[in-house]
Amino acid sequence: MRRTQQDRSAGTKAALVAAARELFAARGYQAVPADEITRAAGVTRGALYHHYADKQGLFRAVVEELERELTEEVEAAFAGGADPLTGMLQGLGVFLDACLREEVRRISLTDAPAVLGWDVWREIEAEHGLGLIVSVLEQARADGLIVETPVRALAQLVLSAVMEAARMIAAADDPARTRAEVQQVLGGWLASLLRT
C-alpha cells in the first residue's frame, strides 16, 4: 500500500522531532547544528525548513511534545487521587519528579526560556498546565474542599509557583534536595487552602 503525502509528511516531522529531542537533551540547543539533526533524522535540510521554518521552530515542536507528555503524566496522577486535593498533591509530585529528568531540565526548563523567550515559554506552560490546574481547583471548590476563592487567579498563581519550583530544580547544585524542599513548601501552601 502506498503512503500518502500526508503520511510521508507526518513521518518526516516525527523523525525530525525525535532526532532533535535526543540531541537537544544530550547537548543543549546551542550545541546542536541543524545539519546534525537532519542527518540523524535521515532527511534533507530542506525538509526541516519546509516543516518548521528553522531550527528554533523545530525546537518549539520538541518543547510542545515534551509538555504534552508531562501534562498527560500529571493528569493521570491527578485522576488517581482519592479527592481533588490528594490528586493535586500527587500530580505535583509527578511533575517535580519529571523536573529531575535531564531531558526535562535541559529542554523545557533551561533552553526553552532562553531560546523561545520568556513570554513564549510561559504561554506554552500555561497552554498545557493551566487548564488542568483550573479544573482540579474548580472540582475541589465544588466539593467544598477549599476555601471560596477566585479559581482562575489561584490557578495562575499555582502554575507560576510550580514553574518557579521547576526552574529552581533545574538550576540547583543538588536537584533532588531542592525537589524535596519545594514539594514541602508547595504542599504546605496547597494544604493551607483546605477548609478546616
Protein backbone atom coordinates (compact mmCIF):
# COMPACT_ATOMS: atom_id res chain seq x y z
CA MET A 1 0.00 0.00 0.00
CA ARG A 2 1.44 3.37 -0.99
CA ARG A 3 1.94 6.02 1.64
CA THR A 4 0.09 9.25 1.08
CA GLN A 5 1.85 12.59 1.03
CA GLN A 6 0.24 13.31 4.40
CA ASP A 7 1.73 10.09 5.85
CA ARG A 8 5.16 10.93 4.46
CA SER A 9 4.94 14.44 5.85
CA ALA A 10 3.91 13.17 9.29
CA GLY A 11 6.76 10.65 9.21
CA THR A 12 9.30 13.33 8.30
CA LYS A 13 8.08 15.62 11.08
CA ALA A 14 8.16 12.78 13.62
CA ALA A 15 11.70 11.83 12.57
CA LEU A 16 12.88 15.43 12.89
CA VAL A 17 11.30 15.88 16.33
CA ALA A 18 12.65 12.56 17.61
CA ALA A 19 16.19 13.26 16.38
CA ALA A 20 16.16 16.85 17.65
CA ARG A 21 14.76 15.83 21.02
CA GLU A 22 17.50 13.29 21.59
CA LEU A 23 20.26 15.68 20.51
CA PHE A 24 18.88 18.69 22.42
CA ALA A 25 18.52 16.58 25.57
CA ALA A 26 22.09 15.31 25.29
CA ARG A 27 23.89 18.55 24.44
CA GLY A 28 21.52 21.50 24.51
CA TYR A 29 20.05 23.67 21.77
CA GLN A 30 23.11 25.82 21.08
CA ALA A 31 25.48 22.86 20.70
CA VAL A 32 23.42 21.07 18.04
CA PRO A 33 23.64 22.32 14.43
CA ALA A 34 20.65 21.89 12.13
CA ASP A 35 22.69 19.70 9.75
CA GLU A 36 23.31 17.19 12.52
CA ILE A 37 19.59 16.97 13.25
CA THR A 38 18.69 16.37 9.61
CA ARG A 39 21.40 13.69 9.28
CA ALA A 40 20.17 11.94 12.44
CA ALA A 41 16.58 12.12 11.16
CA GLY A 42 17.58 10.84 7.72
CA VAL A 43 16.01 13.81 5.92
CA THR A 44 17.23 16.79 3.94
CA ARG A 45 17.82 20.24 5.35
CA GLY A 46 15.05 21.41 3.04
CA ALA A 47 12.62 19.13 4.89
CA LEU A 48 13.48 20.88 8.15
CA TYR A 49 12.81 24.30 6.64
CA HIS A 50 9.65 23.09 4.89
CA HIS A 51 8.06 21.78 8.10
CA TYR A 52 9.48 24.10 10.77
CA ALA A 53 10.95 27.18 9.04
CA ASP A 54 14.14 26.93 11.12
CA LYS A 55 15.87 25.14 14.00
CA GLN A 56 14.05 27.29 16.54
CA GLY A 57 10.68 26.24 15.09
CA LEU A 58 11.72 22.60 15.40
CA PHE A 59 12.85 23.25 18.98
CA ARG A 60 9.42 24.66 19.80
CA ALA A 61 7.82 21.48 18.42
CA VAL A 62 10.11 19.43 20.68
CA VAL A 63 9.19 21.55 23.72
CA GLU A 64 5.48 21.23 22.95
CA GLU A 65 5.74 17.44 22.55
CA LEU A 66 7.54 17.16 25.87
CA GLU A 67 4.98 19.42 27.58
CA ARG A 68 2.08 17.32 26.21
CA GLU A 69 3.69 14.18 27.63
CA LEU A 70 4.30 15.79 31.02
CA THR A 71 0.73 17.06 31.16
CA GLU A 72 -0.58 13.55 30.46
CA GLU A 73 1.57 12.13 33.29
CA VAL A 74 0.41 14.80 35.73
CA GLU A 75 -3.22 14.44 34.63
CA ALA A 76 -3.08 10.69 35.30
CA ALA A 77 -1.70 11.37 38.79
CA PHE A 78 -4.46 13.94 39.44
CA ALA A 79 -7.09 11.44 38.32
CA GLY A 80 -5.65 8.76 40.61
CA GLY A 81 -6.21 10.79 43.77
CA ALA A 82 -8.96 9.90 46.24
CA ASP A 83 -10.12 13.53 46.07
CA PRO A 84 -9.06 16.62 44.09
CA LEU A 85 -6.56 17.84 46.70
CA THR A 86 -4.90 14.44 47.04
CA GLY A 87 -4.79 14.25 43.27
CA MET A 88 -3.24 17.71 43.08
CA LEU A 89 -0.51 16.74 45.56
CA GLN A 90 0.14 13.53 43.62
CA GLY A 91 0.26 15.49 40.37
CA LEU A 92 2.68 17.96 41.92
CA GLY A 93 4.94 15.09 42.98
CA VAL A 94 4.90 13.57 39.50
CA PHE A 95 5.73 16.93 37.91
CA LEU A 96 8.57 17.65 40.33
CA ASP A 97 9.97 14.15 39.74
CA ALA A 98 9.90 14.86 35.99
CA CYS A 99 11.95 18.01 36.64
CA LEU A 100 14.79 15.73 37.77
CA ARG A 101 14.99 14.13 34.32
CA GLU A 102 17.89 15.52 32.31
CA GLU A 103 15.73 15.85 29.20
CA VAL A 104 13.16 18.00 31.01
CA ARG A 105 15.78 20.04 32.86
CA ARG A 106 17.74 20.86 29.73
CA ILE A 107 15.00 21.26 27.11
CA SER A 108 11.95 22.57 28.99
CA LEU A 109 13.46 24.38 31.94
CA THR A 110 16.82 25.69 30.75
CA ASP A 111 16.84 26.06 26.97
CA ALA A 112 13.14 26.79 26.33
CA PRO A 113 13.02 30.17 28.15
CA ALA A 114 16.34 31.21 26.59
CA VAL A 115 15.63 30.04 23.02
CA LEU A 116 11.92 30.82 22.74
CA GLY A 117 11.84 33.81 25.08
CA TRP A 118 10.19 34.07 28.46
CA ASP A 119 6.75 35.05 27.12
CA VAL A 120 6.51 32.19 24.61
CA TRP A 121 7.78 29.68 27.17
CA ARG A 122 5.17 30.85 29.71
CA GLU A 123 2.49 30.65 27.01
CA ILE A 124 3.39 27.02 26.29
CA GLU A 125 3.46 26.17 30.01
CA ALA A 126 0.08 27.81 30.53
CA GLU A 127 -1.42 26.08 27.49
CA HIS A 128 -0.52 22.68 28.88
CA GLY A 129 -0.80 23.15 32.63
CA LEU A 130 -3.22 25.95 33.43
CA GLY A 131 -6.40 24.25 32.23
CA LEU A 132 -5.61 21.16 34.25
CA ILE A 133 -5.00 23.19 37.42
CA VAL A 134 -8.21 25.19 36.89
CA SER A 135 -10.30 22.03 36.52
CA VAL A 136 -8.83 20.40 39.64
CA LEU A 137 -9.33 23.56 41.72
CA GLU A 138 -12.88 24.01 40.43
CA GLN A 139 -13.70 20.45 41.41
CA ALA A 140 -12.10 20.93 44.84
CA ARG A 141 -14.17 24.09 45.35
CA ALA A 142 -17.37 22.36 44.17
CA ASP A 143 -16.67 19.54 46.64
CA GLY A 144 -16.22 22.09 49.42
CA LEU A 145 -12.60 21.09 49.99
CA ILE A 146 -11.03 24.53 49.58
CA VAL A 147 -11.97 27.97 50.78
CA GLU A 148 -14.07 30.10 48.45
CA THR A 149 -11.60 31.87 46.19
CA PRO A 150 -11.32 33.09 42.57
CA VAL A 151 -10.19 29.84 40.94
CA ARG A 152 -8.62 31.26 37.77
CA ALA A 153 -6.45 33.68 39.74
CA LEU A 154 -5.44 30.94 42.16
CA ALA A 155 -4.67 28.54 39.30
CA GLN A 156 -2.41 31.12 37.63
CA LEU A 157 -0.56 31.65 40.91
CA VAL A 158 -0.24 27.89 41.48
CA LEU A 159 1.14 27.45 37.95
CA SER A 160 3.61 30.30 38.49
CA ALA A 161 4.79 28.84 41.80
CA VAL A 162 5.15 25.35 40.33
CA MET A 163 7.10 26.66 37.33
CA GLU A 164 9.41 28.65 39.61
CA ALA A 165 9.94 25.48 41.64
CA ALA A 166 10.79 23.63 38.42
CA ARG A 167 13.33 26.30 37.47
CA MET A 168 14.86 26.08 40.96
CA ILE A 169 15.29 22.31 40.50
CA ALA A 170 16.83 22.78 37.04
CA ALA A 171 19.38 25.30 38.33
CA ALA A 172 20.20 23.56 41.62
CA ASP A 173 23.55 22.02 42.51
CA ASP A 174 21.57 19.32 44.34
CA PRO A 175 18.34 18.91 42.33
CA ALA A 176 17.00 16.05 44.47
CA ARG A 177 17.30 18.08 47.69
CA THR A 178 15.77 21.14 46.03
CA ARG A 179 12.93 19.00 44.68
CA ALA A 180 12.15 17.73 48.22
CA GLU A 181 12.27 21.27 49.63
CA VAL A 182 9.96 22.78 47.03
CA GLN A 183 7.47 19.92 47.41
CA GLN A 184 7.38 20.55 51.15
CA VAL A 185 6.75 24.27 50.67
CA LEU A 186 4.22 23.92 47.84
CA GLY A 187 2.44 21.06 49.59
CA GLY A 188 2.10 23.17 52.74
CA TRP A 189 0.78 26.10 50.73
CA LEU A 190 -1.80 23.96 48.92
CA ALA A 191 -2.84 22.32 52.22
CA SER A 192 -3.41 25.80 53.69
CA LEU A 193 -6.22 26.26 51.14
CA LEU A 194 -8.21 23.43 52.72
CA ARG A 195 -11.33 24.22 54.66
CA THR A 196 -10.79 23.49 58.35
